[in-house]
C-alpha atoms as a PDB file:
ATOM      1  CA  UNK A   1     142.671  72.418  97.665  1.00  0.00           C
ATOM      2  CA  UNK A   2     138.895  72.518  97.542  1.00  0.00           C
ATOM      3  CA  UNK A   3     136.031  70.078  97.575  1.00  0.00           C
ATOM      4  CA  UNK A   4     132.317  69.602  97.727  1.00  0.00           C
ATOM      5  CA  UNK A   5     131.436  67.918 101.000  1.00  0.00           C
ATOM      6  CA  UNK A   6     132.795  67.139 104.445  1.00  0.00           C
ATOM      7  CA  UNK A   7     131.469  64.767 107.083  1.00  0.00           C
ATOM      8  CA  UNK A   8     131.474  65.792 110.769  1.00  0.00           C
ATOM      9  CA  UNK A   9     131.569  63.006 113.358  1.00  0.00           C
ATOM     10  CA  UNK A  10     131.522  62.786 117.147  1.00  0.00           C
ATOM     11  CA  UNK A  11     131.907  59.548 119.100  1.00  0.00           C
ATOM     12  CA  UNK A  12     132.062  57.619 115.821  1.00  0.00           C
ATOM     13  CA  UNK A  13     128.661  58.867 114.600  1.00  0.00           C
ATOM     14  CA  UNK A  14     127.973  61.375 111.858  1.00  0.00           C
ATOM     15  CA  UNK A  15     126.357  64.468 113.395  1.00  0.00           C
ATOM     16  CA  UNK A  16     126.497  66.724 110.340  1.00  0.00           C
ATOM     17  CA  UNK A  17     128.635  67.986 107.533  1.00  0.00           C
ATOM     18  CA  UNK A  18     129.895  70.925 105.523  1.00  0.00           C
ATOM     19  CA  UNK A  19     129.516  72.033 101.901  1.00  0.00           C
ATOM     20  CA  UNK A  20     131.954  73.742  99.538  1.00  0.00           C
ATOM     21  CA  UNK A  21     135.146  73.603 101.605  1.00  0.00           C
ATOM     22  CA  UNK A  22     138.558  75.023 100.854  1.00  0.00           C
ATOM     23  CA  UNK A  23     141.913  74.339 102.525  1.00  0.00           C
ATOM     24  CA  UNK A  24     144.835  76.709 102.341  1.00  0.00           C
ATOM     25  CA  UNK A  25     148.217  75.806 103.786  1.00  0.00           C
ATOM     26  CA  UNK A  26     150.877  77.936 105.397  1.00  0.00           C
ATOM     27  CA  UNK A  27     153.801  77.154 107.608  1.00  0.00           C
ATOM     28  CA  UNK A  28     155.280  78.629 110.723  1.00  0.00           C
ATOM     29  CA  UNK A  29     158.852  78.152 111.837  1.00  0.00           C
ATOM     30  CA  UNK A  30     160.616  78.502 115.138  1.00  0.00           C
ATOM     31  CA  UNK A  31     164.252  77.916 116.098  1.00  0.00           C
ATOM     32  CA  UNK A  32     164.895  75.740 119.127  1.00  0.00           C
ATOM     33  CA  UNK A  33     168.393  74.652 120.219  1.00  0.00           C
ATOM     34  CA  UNK A  34     169.795  75.583 116.821  1.00  0.00           C
ATOM     35  CA  UNK A  35     167.203  73.578 114.868  1.00  0.00           C
ATOM     36  CA  UNK A  36     164.394  75.054 112.802  1.00  0.00           C
ATOM     37  CA  UNK A  37     161.056  73.451 113.572  1.00  0.00           C
ATOM     38  CA  UNK A  38     158.403  73.775 110.877  1.00  0.00           C
ATOM     39  CA  UNK A  39     154.694  73.564 111.629  1.00  0.00           C
ATOM     40  CA  UNK A  40     152.104  73.275 108.869  1.00  0.00           C
ATOM     41  CA  UNK A  41     149.010  75.374 109.467  1.00  0.00           C
ATOM     42  CA  UNK A  42     145.790  74.367 107.710  1.00  0.00           C
ATOM     43  CA  UNK A  43     143.105  76.993 107.289  1.00  0.00           C
ATOM     44  CA  UNK A  44     139.741  75.546 106.299  1.00  0.00           C
ATOM     45  CA  UNK A  45     136.609  77.449 105.324  1.00  0.00           C
ATOM     46  CA  UNK A  46     133.202  76.157 104.249  1.00  0.00           C
ATOM     47  CA  UNK A  47     130.237  78.013 102.781  1.00  0.00           C
ATOM     48  CA  UNK A  48     127.453  76.120 104.566  1.00  0.00           C
ATOM     49  CA  UNK A  49     126.755  73.197 106.886  1.00  0.00           C
ATOM     50  CA  UNK A  50     124.066  70.889 108.226  1.00  0.00           C
ATOM     51  CA  UNK A  51     123.450  68.978 111.430  1.00  0.00           C
ATOM     52  CA  UNK A  52     121.550  65.755 112.004  1.00  0.00           C
ATOM     53  CA  UNK A  53     122.122  65.824 115.780  1.00  0.00           C
ATOM     54  CA  UNK A  54     122.907  68.535 118.310  1.00  0.00           C
ATOM     55  CA  UNK A  55     126.689  68.343 118.838  1.00  0.00           C
ATOM     56  CA  UNK A  56     128.056  67.412 122.265  1.00  0.00           C
ATOM     57  CA  UNK A  57     130.957  69.912 121.976  1.00  0.00           C
ATOM     58  CA  UNK A  58     132.926  71.836 119.345  1.00  0.00           C
ATOM     59  CA  UNK A  59     135.537  69.161 118.500  1.00  0.00           C
ATOM     60  CA  UNK A  60     134.797  66.953 115.472  1.00  0.00           C
ATOM     61  CA  UNK A  61     136.452  64.240 113.451  1.00  0.00           C
ATOM     62  CA  UNK A  62     136.210  65.346 109.844  1.00  0.00           C
ATOM     63  CA  UNK A  63     136.475  63.667 106.456  1.00  0.00           C
ATOM     64  CA  UNK A  64     136.804  65.948 103.426  1.00  0.00           C
ATOM     65  CA  UNK A  65     135.643  64.715 100.016  1.00  0.00           C
ATOM     66  CA  UNK A  66     136.063  66.035  96.482  1.00  0.00           C
ATOM     67  CA  UNK A  67     134.125  64.988  93.396  1.00  0.00           C
ATOM     68  CA  UNK A  68     136.497  63.381  90.863  1.00  0.00           C
ATOM     69  CA  UNK A  69     135.069  61.708  87.742  1.00  0.00           C
ATOM     70  CA  UNK A  70     131.591  61.651  89.357  1.00  0.00           C
ATOM     71  CA  UNK A  71     132.940  59.848  92.455  1.00  0.00           C
ATOM     72  CA  UNK A  72     133.490  61.284  95.929  1.00  0.00           C
ATOM     73  CA  UNK A  73     137.153  60.816  96.836  1.00  0.00           C
ATOM     74  CA  UNK A  74     138.483  61.233 100.376  1.00  0.00           C
ATOM     75  CA  UNK A  75     141.051  64.062 100.245  1.00  0.00           C
ATOM     76  CA  UNK A  76     141.894  64.563 103.930  1.00  0.00           C
ATOM     77  CA  UNK A  77     140.756  63.598 107.412  1.00  0.00           C
ATOM     78  CA  UNK A  78     141.567  64.770 110.900  1.00  0.00           C
ATOM     79  CA  UNK A  79     140.263  66.609 113.936  1.00  0.00           C
ATOM     80  CA  UNK A  80     138.868  70.144 113.839  1.00  0.00           C
ATOM     81  CA  UNK A  81     137.553  72.668 116.310  1.00  0.00           C
ATOM     82  CA  UNK A  82     134.446  74.355 114.984  1.00  0.00           C
ATOM     83  CA  UNK A  83     132.165  76.941 116.588  1.00  0.00           C
ATOM     84  CA  UNK A  84     128.916  76.787 114.648  1.00  0.00           C
ATOM     85  CA  UNK A  85     126.578  79.815 114.689  1.00  0.00           C
ATOM     86  CA  UNK A  86     123.473  77.603 115.049  1.00  0.00           C
ATOM     87  CA  UNK A  87     123.573  74.152 116.668  1.00  0.00           C
ATOM     88  CA  UNK A  88     119.824  73.818 117.277  1.00  0.00           C
ATOM     89  CA  UNK A  89     118.511  73.683 113.691  1.00  0.00           C
ATOM     90  CA  UNK A  90     118.624  70.123 112.392  1.00  0.00           C
ATOM     91  CA  UNK A  91     118.214  68.440 109.007  1.00  0.00           C
ATOM     92  CA  UNK A  92     118.534  71.463 106.771  1.00  0.00           C
ATOM     93  CA  UNK A  93     121.333  73.311 105.011  1.00  0.00           C
ATOM     94  CA  UNK A  94     122.432  76.406 106.912  1.00  0.00           C
ATOM     95  CA  UNK A  95     124.136  79.084 104.812  1.00  0.00           C
ATOM     96  CA  UNK A  96     126.864  80.650 106.907  1.00  0.00           C
ATOM     97  CA  UNK A  97     130.556  80.845 106.040  1.00  0.00           C
ATOM     98  CA  UNK A  98     132.445  79.015 108.778  1.00  0.00           C
ATOM     99  CA  UNK A  99     136.092  78.587 109.717  1.00  0.00           C
ATOM    100  CA  UNK A 100     137.403  75.253 110.929  1.00  0.00           C
ATOM    101  CA  UNK A 101     140.519  75.124 113.074  1.00  0.00           C
ATOM    102  CA  UNK A 102     142.637  72.076 112.279  1.00  0.00           C
ATOM    103  CA  UNK A 103     143.921  70.479 115.457  1.00  0.00           C
ATOM    104  CA  UNK A 104     147.485  69.230 115.677  1.00  0.00           C
ATOM    105  CA  UNK A 105     147.811  65.787 117.323  1.00  0.00           C
ATOM    106  CA  UNK A 106     149.243  67.373 120.476  1.00  0.00           C
ATOM    107  CA  UNK A 107     146.140  69.579 120.875  1.00  0.00           C
ATOM    108  CA  UNK A 108     143.596  66.838 121.576  1.00  0.00           C
END
């Protein structure tokens, strides 16, 4: 799945966003007590990003949008861990491919 824009939030406020994102899915399995447990792994990449505020840490709430019939449609939302190469430059698009690590509910 791919899309055009993502919104990054901390403490309920938008602090930035990402452009041109792509999600790929994989799964991992483990056997425990005779049962197979499946875990979905989301791998997210984006081609660029922007910040409107200096982030407080590297954990963000994210909303991912895709343009459908000239409307932005929410495709997914969750929590990601993201280490940005530059967190000091504000209010401009920064071209740097970045990887976002989707957090499972038990990880935050």
